[in-house]
């Protein structure tokens, strides 16, 4: 956000970026074996956007937060933004 402010844009907020990512990612589709489907599971989008992850039980048992699916979503987002 500091880089955005350096450009003289003061009225942007991080939650706007998060909402934009969620909106565009859930709409993104791909065709696999002739079937059109969402490119990213909602669960993956949610996990990427969370400040913290799940319940205490989830945190204890599910530790693979930096999965290939998360990386795929974030790489797509960077490409979408032209970064």
N, C-alpha and C. Protein backbone atom coordinates (compact mmCIF):
# COMPACT_ATOMS: atom_id res chain seq x y z
N UNK A 1 0.82 -1.19 0.00
CA UNK A 1 0.00 0.00 0.00
C UNK A 1 0.86 1.25 0.00
N UNK A 2 2.04 1.18 0.59
CA UNK A 2 2.91 2.35 0.60
C UNK A 2 3.29 2.78 -0.80
N UNK A 3 3.49 1.82 -1.71
CA UNK A 3 3.82 2.16 -3.09
C UNK A 3 2.66 2.88 -3.77
N UNK A 4 1.44 2.49 -3.46
CA UNK A 4 0.27 3.17 -4.00
C UNK A 4 0.22 4.61 -3.50
N UNK A 5 0.48 4.80 -2.22
CA UNK A 5 0.46 6.15 -1.65
C UNK A 5 1.55 7.02 -2.27
N UNK A 6 2.70 6.43 -2.62
CA UNK A 6 3.78 7.19 -3.27
C UNK A 6 3.34 7.74 -4.62
N UNK A 7 2.36 7.07 -5.24
CA UNK A 7 1.82 7.54 -6.52
C UNK A 7 0.82 8.67 -6.34
N UNK A 8 0.53 9.02 -5.08
CA UNK A 8 -0.41 10.09 -4.81
C UNK A 8 -1.85 9.63 -4.70
N UNK A 9 -2.05 8.33 -4.56
CA UNK A 9 -3.40 7.79 -4.42
C UNK A 9 -3.61 7.49 -2.95
N UNK A 10 -4.48 8.26 -2.31
CA UNK A 10 -4.66 8.13 -0.87
C UNK A 10 -5.94 7.41 -0.45
N UNK A 11 -6.88 7.22 -1.37
CA UNK A 11 -8.19 6.71 -0.96
C UNK A 11 -8.38 5.22 -1.24
N UNK A 12 -7.30 4.47 -1.35
CA UNK A 12 -7.40 3.02 -1.54
C UNK A 12 -7.14 2.30 -0.23
N UNK A 13 -7.78 1.16 -0.07
CA UNK A 13 -7.63 0.38 1.14
C UNK A 13 -7.34 -1.07 0.78
N UNK A 14 -6.61 -1.77 1.62
CA UNK A 14 -6.24 -3.17 1.36
C UNK A 14 -7.46 -4.05 1.15
N UNK A 15 -8.54 -3.79 1.88
CA UNK A 15 -9.72 -4.64 1.75
C UNK A 15 -10.33 -4.52 0.36
N UNK A 16 -10.16 -3.40 -0.30
CA UNK A 16 -10.62 -3.27 -1.68
C UNK A 16 -9.86 -4.20 -2.60
N UNK A 17 -8.56 -4.33 -2.40
CA UNK A 17 -7.76 -5.25 -3.20
C UNK A 17 -8.16 -6.69 -2.92
N UNK A 18 -8.42 -7.01 -1.67
CA UNK A 18 -8.81 -8.37 -1.29
C UNK A 18 -10.16 -8.72 -1.93
N UNK A 19 -11.09 -7.79 -1.89
CA UNK A 19 -12.40 -8.03 -2.49
C UNK A 19 -12.31 -8.18 -4.00
N UNK A 20 -11.44 -7.40 -4.62
CA UNK A 20 -11.25 -7.49 -6.06
C UNK A 20 -10.67 -8.85 -6.44
N UNK A 21 -9.66 -9.30 -5.69
CA UNK A 21 -9.09 -10.62 -5.96
C UNK A 21 -10.17 -11.69 -5.83
N UNK A 22 -10.94 -11.65 -4.77
CA UNK A 22 -11.98 -12.66 -4.56
C UNK A 22 -12.99 -12.66 -5.70
N UNK A 23 -13.43 -11.48 -6.12
CA UNK A 23 -14.43 -11.36 -7.17
C UNK A 23 -13.92 -11.91 -8.49
N UNK A 24 -12.74 -11.49 -8.91
CA UNK A 24 -12.21 -11.93 -10.19
C UNK A 24 -11.80 -13.40 -10.16
N UNK A 25 -11.23 -13.86 -9.06
CA UNK A 25 -10.77 -15.26 -8.98
C UNK A 25 -11.94 -16.23 -9.03
N UNK A 26 -13.05 -15.91 -8.35
CA UNK A 26 -14.18 -16.83 -8.33
C UNK A 26 -14.86 -16.88 -9.70
N UNK A 27 -14.72 -15.83 -10.50
CA UNK A 27 -15.32 -15.79 -11.84
C UNK A 27 -14.44 -16.46 -12.89
N UNK A 28 -13.16 -16.64 -12.59
CA UNK A 28 -12.22 -17.20 -13.56
C UNK A 28 -12.56 -18.68 -13.81
N UNK A 29 -12.64 -19.05 -15.08
CA UNK A 29 -12.98 -20.43 -15.42
C UNK A 29 -11.90 -21.04 -16.31
N UNK A 30 -11.92 -22.35 -16.39
CA UNK A 30 -11.05 -23.09 -17.29
C UNK A 30 -11.84 -24.30 -17.77
N UNK A 31 -11.41 -24.87 -18.88
CA UNK A 31 -12.04 -26.06 -19.41
C UNK A 31 -11.10 -27.24 -19.22
N UNK A 32 -11.58 -28.26 -18.53
CA UNK A 32 -10.80 -29.47 -18.27
C UNK A 32 -11.60 -30.65 -18.80
N UNK A 33 -10.99 -31.39 -19.74
CA UNK A 33 -11.67 -32.54 -20.35
C UNK A 33 -13.03 -32.16 -20.91
N UNK A 34 -13.10 -30.99 -21.53
CA UNK A 34 -14.33 -30.53 -22.15
C UNK A 34 -15.37 -29.97 -21.20
N UNK A 35 -15.03 -29.87 -19.92
CA UNK A 35 -15.98 -29.36 -18.92
C UNK A 35 -15.48 -28.02 -18.39
N UNK A 36 -16.34 -27.00 -18.50
CA UNK A 36 -15.99 -25.68 -17.99
C UNK A 36 -16.23 -25.66 -16.48
N UNK A 37 -15.25 -25.18 -15.74
CA UNK A 37 -15.37 -25.13 -14.27
C UNK A 37 -14.60 -23.94 -13.74
N UNK A 38 -14.81 -23.66 -12.47
CA UNK A 38 -14.05 -22.60 -11.84
C UNK A 38 -12.57 -22.95 -11.80
N UNK A 39 -11.74 -21.99 -12.09
CA UNK A 39 -10.29 -22.25 -12.10
C UNK A 39 -9.75 -22.44 -10.69
N UNK A 40 -10.36 -21.76 -9.71
CA UNK A 40 -9.89 -21.83 -8.33
C UNK A 40 -11.04 -22.20 -7.41
N UNK A 41 -10.78 -23.12 -6.50
CA UNK A 41 -11.79 -23.49 -5.51
C UNK A 41 -12.00 -22.32 -4.55
N UNK A 42 -13.23 -22.14 -4.12
CA UNK A 42 -13.52 -21.07 -3.16
C UNK A 42 -12.68 -21.22 -1.90
N UNK A 43 -12.47 -22.46 -1.48
CA UNK A 43 -11.66 -22.73 -0.28
C UNK A 43 -10.25 -22.15 -0.44
N UNK A 44 -9.66 -22.29 -1.62
CA UNK A 44 -8.31 -21.77 -1.86
C UNK A 44 -8.33 -20.25 -1.83
N UNK A 45 -9.32 -19.65 -2.46
CA UNK A 45 -9.44 -18.19 -2.45
C UNK A 45 -9.58 -17.70 -1.02
N UNK A 46 -10.45 -18.33 -0.26
CA UNK A 46 -10.65 -17.95 1.15
C UNK A 46 -9.36 -18.07 1.95
N UNK A 47 -8.64 -19.17 1.78
CA UNK A 47 -7.41 -19.37 2.54
C UNK A 47 -6.36 -18.32 2.21
N UNK A 48 -6.25 -17.96 0.93
CA UNK A 48 -5.28 -16.95 0.53
C UNK A 48 -5.63 -15.59 1.13
N UNK A 49 -6.91 -15.30 1.26
CA UNK A 49 -7.34 -13.99 1.75
C UNK A 49 -7.41 -13.88 3.26
N UNK A 50 -7.38 -14.99 3.97
CA UNK A 50 -7.51 -14.96 5.42
C UNK A 50 -6.31 -14.31 6.10
N UNK A 51 -6.58 -13.57 7.15
CA UNK A 51 -5.49 -13.06 7.99
C UNK A 51 -4.94 -14.19 8.84
N UNK A 52 -5.83 -15.01 9.36
CA UNK A 52 -5.44 -16.21 10.10
C UNK A 52 -6.21 -17.37 9.51
N UNK A 53 -5.80 -18.55 9.81
CA UNK A 53 -6.37 -19.70 9.14
C UNK A 53 -7.13 -20.61 10.09
N UNK A 54 -8.42 -20.75 9.87
CA UNK A 54 -9.24 -21.75 10.52
C UNK A 54 -9.27 -21.74 12.03
N UNK A 55 -9.81 -22.81 12.54
CA UNK A 55 -9.92 -22.99 13.99
C UNK A 55 -8.58 -23.44 14.55
N UNK A 56 -8.51 -23.54 15.86
CA UNK A 56 -7.29 -24.04 16.50
C UNK A 56 -6.99 -25.48 16.05
N UNK A 57 -8.03 -26.27 15.84
CA UNK A 57 -7.84 -27.64 15.36
C UNK A 57 -7.26 -27.63 13.96
N UNK A 58 -7.82 -26.78 13.07
CA UNK A 58 -7.28 -26.66 11.72
C UNK A 58 -5.80 -26.30 11.75
N UNK A 59 -5.45 -25.33 12.57
CA UNK A 59 -4.06 -24.88 12.65
C UNK A 59 -3.14 -26.01 13.13
N UNK A 60 -3.65 -26.85 14.02
CA UNK A 60 -2.83 -27.94 14.56
C UNK A 60 -2.61 -29.06 13.56
N UNK A 61 -3.62 -29.35 12.74
CA UNK A 61 -3.55 -30.53 11.88
C UNK A 61 -3.29 -30.24 10.41
N UNK A 62 -3.63 -29.07 9.93
CA UNK A 62 -3.49 -28.75 8.51
C UNK A 62 -2.45 -27.64 8.36
N UNK A 63 -1.23 -28.05 8.10
CA UNK A 63 -0.13 -27.09 8.11
C UNK A 63 0.34 -26.66 6.73
N UNK A 64 -0.17 -27.27 5.68
CA UNK A 64 0.33 -26.98 4.33
C UNK A 64 -0.39 -25.79 3.72
N UNK A 65 -0.18 -24.62 4.29
CA UNK A 65 -0.86 -23.43 3.78
C UNK A 65 -0.24 -22.94 2.48
N UNK A 66 1.05 -23.14 2.29
CA UNK A 66 1.72 -22.67 1.08
C UNK A 66 1.71 -23.76 0.00
N UNK A 67 0.55 -24.23 -0.32
CA UNK A 67 0.42 -25.31 -1.30
C UNK A 67 0.58 -24.79 -2.72
N UNK A 68 0.71 -25.72 -3.65
CA UNK A 68 0.80 -25.36 -5.06
C UNK A 68 -0.46 -24.64 -5.52
N UNK A 69 -1.61 -24.98 -4.93
CA UNK A 69 -2.87 -24.31 -5.31
C UNK A 69 -2.85 -22.83 -4.92
N UNK A 70 -2.31 -22.53 -3.74
CA UNK A 70 -2.20 -21.14 -3.31
C UNK A 70 -1.25 -20.38 -4.23
N UNK A 71 -0.12 -20.99 -4.55
CA UNK A 71 0.86 -20.36 -5.44
C UNK A 71 0.26 -20.13 -6.81
N UNK A 72 -0.50 -21.10 -7.31
CA UNK A 72 -1.13 -20.96 -8.63
C UNK A 72 -2.09 -19.76 -8.65
N UNK A 73 -2.88 -19.61 -7.60
CA UNK A 73 -3.80 -18.48 -7.51
C UNK A 73 -3.03 -17.16 -7.47
N UNK A 74 -2.02 -17.08 -6.63
CA UNK A 74 -1.27 -15.83 -6.50
C UNK A 74 -0.47 -15.49 -7.75
N UNK A 75 0.05 -16.50 -8.44
CA UNK A 75 0.74 -16.26 -9.71
C UNK A 75 -0.24 -15.76 -10.76
N UNK A 76 -1.44 -16.33 -10.81
CA UNK A 76 -2.47 -15.87 -11.73
C UNK A 76 -2.83 -14.42 -11.43
N UNK A 77 -2.98 -14.08 -10.14
CA UNK A 77 -3.35 -12.73 -9.73
C UNK A 77 -2.28 -11.73 -10.16
N UNK A 78 -1.02 -12.07 -9.96
CA UNK A 78 0.08 -11.18 -10.38
C UNK A 78 0.05 -10.96 -11.88
N UNK A 79 -0.17 -12.04 -12.63
CA UNK A 79 -0.25 -11.92 -14.09
C UNK A 79 -1.46 -11.08 -14.49
N UNK A 80 -2.59 -11.29 -13.83
CA UNK A 80 -3.81 -10.53 -14.09
C UNK A 80 -3.55 -9.03 -13.89
N UNK A 81 -2.79 -8.70 -12.84
CA UNK A 81 -2.47 -7.30 -12.54
C UNK A 81 -1.35 -6.74 -13.41
N UNK A 82 -0.70 -7.62 -14.16
CA UNK A 82 0.40 -7.17 -15.02
C UNK A 82 1.69 -6.95 -14.27
N UNK A 83 1.88 -7.69 -13.19
CA UNK A 83 3.09 -7.55 -12.37
C UNK A 83 4.15 -8.54 -12.78
